[in-house]
Amino acid sequence: MITKTSAEAQNQFGQLLDTVQREPVVITRHGRVAAVVVSPRDMEELEAARKARRSKIAAAWETWRKKAKKSMKSAAKELTDEEVVRLVHELR
C-alpha cells in the first residue's frame, strides 16, 4: 500500500486518483493515518463484506435468542427489558 502525506495528496491529486484504481493509498497528516483512499470497486466490495457480516451476526443472534427463550423458565419469560437491566445492576 502506498503512503502519501496530505500535502503530497493535494499537490498530486490527479496522480492519486489514478493510483487508487490499482491499490489503496494511505494519507497521513502529522505522521498519523488520516485517511485511506480506495477505488469505487474496492469500496463496493468493502460495503458488501460489511453487509454480509452484519447479516451473519444477526442470524446468529436470532438463533441464540430462540434457543435461550426455549430454555428459559416461565418467570424469566415474563420479565421486561427494564426489569432485566435493574436486576443486572443490583447484582453488580
N, C-alpha and C. Protein backbone atom coordinates (compact mmCIF):
# COMPACT_ATOMS: atom_id res chain seq x y z
N MET A 1 0.85 -1.17 0.00
CA MET A 1 0.00 0.00 0.00
C MET A 1 0.89 1.23 0.00
N ILE A 2 0.56 2.16 -0.82
CA ILE A 2 1.33 3.40 -0.92
C ILE A 2 0.87 4.37 0.17
N THR A 3 1.82 5.14 0.70
CA THR A 3 1.51 6.16 1.70
C THR A 3 1.95 7.51 1.17
N LYS A 4 1.09 8.50 1.33
CA LYS A 4 1.40 9.87 0.93
C LYS A 4 1.00 10.80 2.07
N THR A 5 1.72 11.90 2.19
CA THR A 5 1.32 12.92 3.15
C THR A 5 0.12 13.67 2.59
N SER A 6 -0.58 14.39 3.42
CA SER A 6 -1.73 15.15 2.94
C SER A 6 -1.29 16.21 1.93
N ALA A 7 -0.12 16.80 2.13
CA ALA A 7 0.39 17.80 1.18
C ALA A 7 0.67 17.15 -0.17
N GLU A 8 1.28 15.95 -0.16
CA GLU A 8 1.54 15.24 -1.42
C GLU A 8 0.23 14.90 -2.12
N ALA A 9 -0.75 14.46 -1.35
CA ALA A 9 -2.05 14.11 -1.93
C ALA A 9 -2.70 15.32 -2.59
N GLN A 10 -2.59 16.47 -1.96
CA GLN A 10 -3.16 17.69 -2.53
C GLN A 10 -2.43 18.09 -3.81
N ASN A 11 -1.12 18.05 -3.75
CA ASN A 11 -0.32 18.50 -4.89
C ASN A 11 -0.35 17.53 -6.06
N GLN A 12 -0.63 16.26 -5.79
CA GLN A 12 -0.63 15.23 -6.84
C GLN A 12 -1.98 14.54 -6.92
N PHE A 13 -3.04 15.32 -6.82
CA PHE A 13 -4.37 14.74 -6.71
C PHE A 13 -4.75 13.88 -7.92
N GLY A 14 -4.43 14.35 -9.12
CA GLY A 14 -4.73 13.58 -10.33
C GLY A 14 -4.02 12.23 -10.31
N GLN A 15 -2.76 12.24 -9.92
CA GLN A 15 -1.99 11.01 -9.82
C GLN A 15 -2.58 10.10 -8.73
N LEU A 16 -3.01 10.69 -7.64
CA LEU A 16 -3.63 9.94 -6.56
C LEU A 16 -4.87 9.19 -7.06
N LEU A 17 -5.70 9.88 -7.83
CA LEU A 17 -6.90 9.25 -8.38
C LEU A 17 -6.56 8.07 -9.29
N ASP A 18 -5.50 8.21 -10.05
CA ASP A 18 -5.06 7.10 -10.92
C ASP A 18 -4.54 5.94 -10.09
N THR A 19 -3.77 6.24 -9.07
CA THR A 19 -3.15 5.20 -8.23
C THR A 19 -4.19 4.37 -7.50
N VAL A 20 -5.25 5.02 -6.98
CA VAL A 20 -6.23 4.27 -6.20
C VAL A 20 -7.04 3.30 -7.05
N GLN A 21 -6.97 3.44 -8.36
CA GLN A 21 -7.63 2.47 -9.22
C GLN A 21 -6.90 1.12 -9.18
N ARG A 22 -5.62 1.16 -8.80
CA ARG A 22 -4.79 -0.06 -8.73
C ARG A 22 -4.64 -0.58 -7.31
N GLU A 23 -4.54 0.34 -6.35
CA GLU A 23 -4.35 -0.06 -4.95
C GLU A 23 -4.73 1.09 -4.03
N PRO A 24 -5.12 0.75 -2.80
CA PRO A 24 -5.46 1.81 -1.83
C PRO A 24 -4.25 2.68 -1.50
N VAL A 25 -4.50 3.92 -1.15
CA VAL A 25 -3.45 4.85 -0.76
C VAL A 25 -3.75 5.38 0.63
N VAL A 26 -2.77 5.30 1.52
CA VAL A 26 -2.89 5.83 2.87
C VAL A 26 -2.45 7.28 2.85
N ILE A 27 -3.26 8.15 3.42
CA ILE A 27 -2.92 9.57 3.52
C ILE A 27 -2.60 9.87 4.98
N THR A 28 -1.42 10.44 5.22
CA THR A 28 -1.03 10.77 6.59
C THR A 28 -1.05 12.28 6.79
N ARG A 29 -1.24 12.64 8.04
CA ARG A 29 -1.21 14.06 8.42
C ARG A 29 -0.51 14.13 9.77
N HIS A 30 0.55 14.89 9.83
CA HIS A 30 1.37 14.99 11.04
C HIS A 30 1.84 13.61 11.51
N GLY A 31 2.17 12.76 10.54
CA GLY A 31 2.71 11.44 10.85
C GLY A 31 1.70 10.38 11.23
N ARG A 32 0.42 10.71 11.23
CA ARG A 32 -0.62 9.75 11.60
C ARG A 32 -1.54 9.50 10.41
N VAL A 33 -2.08 8.31 10.34
CA VAL A 33 -3.01 7.99 9.26
C VAL A 33 -4.27 8.84 9.41
N ALA A 34 -4.59 9.59 8.36
CA ALA A 34 -5.78 10.44 8.39
C ALA A 34 -6.89 9.87 7.52
N ALA A 35 -6.50 9.12 6.48
CA ALA A 35 -7.50 8.56 5.56
C ALA A 35 -6.87 7.45 4.73
N VAL A 36 -7.74 6.64 4.17
CA VAL A 36 -7.33 5.65 3.18
C VAL A 36 -8.24 5.86 1.99
N VAL A 37 -7.66 6.09 0.83
CA VAL A 37 -8.44 6.33 -0.38
C VAL A 37 -8.47 5.04 -1.19
N VAL A 38 -9.68 4.62 -1.56
CA VAL A 38 -9.84 3.39 -2.33
C VAL A 38 -10.69 3.67 -3.56
N SER A 39 -10.63 2.75 -4.51
CA SER A 39 -11.44 2.88 -5.72
C SER A 39 -12.90 2.58 -5.40
N PRO A 40 -13.81 3.03 -6.25
CA PRO A 40 -15.22 2.72 -6.04
C PRO A 40 -15.47 1.20 -6.00
N ARG A 41 -14.77 0.46 -6.82
CA ARG A 41 -14.91 -1.00 -6.84
C ARG A 41 -14.52 -1.61 -5.50
N ASP A 42 -13.38 -1.16 -4.96
CA ASP A 42 -12.94 -1.65 -3.65
C ASP A 42 -13.95 -1.27 -2.57
N MET A 43 -14.50 -0.07 -2.66
CA MET A 43 -15.47 0.38 -1.66
C MET A 43 -16.73 -0.47 -1.72
N GLU A 44 -17.19 -0.80 -2.92
CA GLU A 44 -18.36 -1.66 -3.07
C GLU A 44 -18.11 -3.03 -2.43
N GLU A 45 -16.90 -3.57 -2.64
CA GLU A 45 -16.55 -4.86 -2.04
C GLU A 45 -16.53 -4.78 -0.51
N LEU A 46 -15.98 -3.69 0.01
CA LEU A 46 -15.95 -3.49 1.47
C LEU A 46 -17.36 -3.39 2.04
N GLU A 47 -18.22 -2.64 1.37
CA GLU A 47 -19.59 -2.49 1.83
C GLU A 47 -20.35 -3.81 1.76
N ALA A 48 -20.12 -4.59 0.71
CA ALA A 48 -20.78 -5.89 0.58
C ALA A 48 -20.31 -6.83 1.69
N ALA A 49 -19.02 -6.80 1.99
CA ALA A 49 -18.48 -7.66 3.06
C ALA A 49 -19.06 -7.24 4.41
N ARG A 50 -19.18 -5.95 4.65
CA ARG A 50 -19.76 -5.45 5.90
C ARG A 50 -21.22 -5.89 6.02
N LYS A 51 -21.97 -5.77 4.92
CA LYS A 51 -23.38 -6.16 4.93
C LYS A 51 -23.51 -7.66 5.19
N ALA A 52 -22.67 -8.47 4.57
CA ALA A 52 -22.71 -9.92 4.78
C ALA A 52 -22.39 -10.27 6.23
N ARG A 53 -21.40 -9.58 6.79
CA ARG A 53 -21.02 -9.83 8.19
C ARG A 53 -22.17 -9.47 9.13
N ARG A 54 -22.83 -8.34 8.87
CA ARG A 54 -23.96 -7.93 9.71
C ARG A 54 -25.10 -8.94 9.62
N SER A 55 -25.37 -9.44 8.42
CA SER A 55 -26.43 -10.44 8.24
C SER A 55 -26.10 -11.71 8.99
N LYS A 56 -24.84 -12.11 8.93
CA LYS A 56 -24.40 -13.33 9.62
C LYS A 56 -24.53 -13.16 11.13
N ILE A 57 -24.14 -12.00 11.64
CA ILE A 57 -24.25 -11.74 13.07
C ILE A 57 -25.72 -11.71 13.50
N ALA A 58 -26.57 -11.08 12.69
CA ALA A 58 -27.99 -11.00 13.01
C ALA A 58 -28.60 -12.40 13.04
N ALA A 59 -28.23 -13.25 12.10
CA ALA A 59 -28.76 -14.62 12.06
C ALA A 59 -28.29 -15.41 13.27
N ALA A 60 -27.03 -15.26 13.64
CA ALA A 60 -26.50 -15.96 14.81
C ALA A 60 -27.20 -15.49 16.08
N TRP A 61 -27.43 -14.19 16.19
CA TRP A 61 -28.10 -13.63 17.36
C TRP A 61 -29.53 -14.17 17.45
N GLU A 62 -30.22 -14.22 16.33
CA GLU A 62 -31.60 -14.71 16.32
C GLU A 62 -31.64 -16.19 16.72
N THR A 63 -30.69 -16.98 16.24
CA THR A 63 -30.60 -18.40 16.62
C THR A 63 -30.39 -18.53 18.12
N TRP A 64 -29.45 -17.74 18.65
CA TRP A 64 -29.18 -17.77 20.08
C TRP A 64 -30.42 -17.36 20.88
N ARG A 65 -31.09 -16.31 20.42
CA ARG A 65 -32.28 -15.80 21.12
C ARG A 65 -33.37 -16.87 21.21
N LYS A 66 -33.59 -17.58 20.11
CA LYS A 66 -34.61 -18.63 20.09
C LYS A 66 -34.25 -19.77 21.05
N LYS A 67 -32.96 -20.17 21.04
CA LYS A 67 -32.52 -21.23 21.95
C LYS A 67 -32.65 -20.79 23.40
N ALA A 68 -32.28 -19.55 23.68
CA ALA A 68 -32.35 -19.03 25.05
C ALA A 68 -33.80 -18.98 25.52
N LYS A 69 -34.68 -18.57 24.64
CA LYS A 69 -36.09 -18.47 25.01
C LYS A 69 -36.68 -19.84 25.34
N LYS A 70 -36.28 -20.86 24.60
CA LYS A 70 -36.76 -22.22 24.87
C LYS A 70 -36.30 -22.72 26.22
N SER A 71 -35.10 -22.34 26.63
CA SER A 71 -34.55 -22.85 27.89
C SER A 71 -34.93 -22.01 29.11
N MET A 72 -35.60 -20.88 28.88
CA MET A 72 -35.99 -20.01 29.99
C MET A 72 -37.11 -20.61 30.82
N LYS A 73 -37.07 -20.32 32.09
CA LYS A 73 -38.18 -20.68 32.96
C LYS A 73 -39.30 -19.68 32.72
N SER A 74 -40.51 -20.05 33.03
CA SER A 74 -41.66 -19.19 32.73
C SER A 74 -41.56 -17.82 33.42
N ALA A 75 -41.01 -17.78 34.62
CA ALA A 75 -40.89 -16.49 35.33
C ALA A 75 -39.95 -15.55 34.59
N ALA A 76 -38.90 -16.09 34.02
CA ALA A 76 -37.94 -15.26 33.28
C ALA A 76 -38.55 -14.72 32.00
N LYS A 77 -39.41 -15.50 31.37
CA LYS A 77 -40.04 -15.07 30.12
C LYS A 77 -40.91 -13.83 30.32
N GLU A 78 -41.41 -13.65 31.54
CA GLU A 78 -42.32 -12.55 31.81
C GLU A 78 -41.60 -11.24 32.16
N LEU A 79 -40.27 -11.28 32.36
CA LEU A 79 -39.53 -10.08 32.72
C LEU A 79 -39.44 -9.11 31.54
N THR A 80 -39.57 -7.83 31.83
CA THR A 80 -39.38 -6.82 30.80
C THR A 80 -37.89 -6.49 30.69
N ASP A 81 -37.51 -5.81 29.63
CA ASP A 81 -36.11 -5.40 29.47
C ASP A 81 -35.66 -4.53 30.63
N GLU A 82 -36.53 -3.62 31.08
CA GLU A 82 -36.19 -2.73 32.17
C GLU A 82 -35.93 -3.51 33.45
N GLU A 83 -36.73 -4.55 33.70
CA GLU A 83 -36.54 -5.37 34.90
C GLU A 83 -35.22 -6.14 34.84
N VAL A 84 -34.87 -6.62 33.66
CA VAL A 84 -33.60 -7.33 33.50
C VAL A 84 -32.44 -6.39 33.76
N VAL A 85 -32.49 -5.19 33.22
CA VAL A 85 -31.43 -4.20 33.44
C VAL A 85 -31.31 -3.87 34.91
N ARG A 86 -32.44 -3.67 35.58
CA ARG A 86 -32.44 -3.38 37.03
C ARG A 86 -31.81 -4.53 37.81
N LEU A 87 -32.15 -5.76 37.49
CA LEU A 87 -31.59 -6.91 38.18
C LEU A 87 -30.08 -7.02 37.96
N VAL A 88 -29.65 -6.76 36.76
CA VAL A 88 -28.21 -6.81 36.47
C VAL A 88 -27.47 -5.77 37.30
N HIS A 89 -28.02 -4.57 37.38
CA HIS A 89 -27.39 -3.50 38.18
C HIS A 89 -27.38 -3.83 39.66
N GLU A 90 -28.41 -4.48 40.12
CA GLU A 90 -28.46 -4.87 41.54
C GLU A 90 -27.42 -5.89 41.86
N LEU A 91 -27.12 -6.79 40.91
CA LEU A 91 -26.13 -7.85 41.15
C LEU A 91 -24.70 -7.33 41.10
N ARG A 92 -24.50 -6.17 40.53
CA ARG A 92 -23.13 -5.62 40.41
C ARG A 92 -22.66 -5.06 41.69
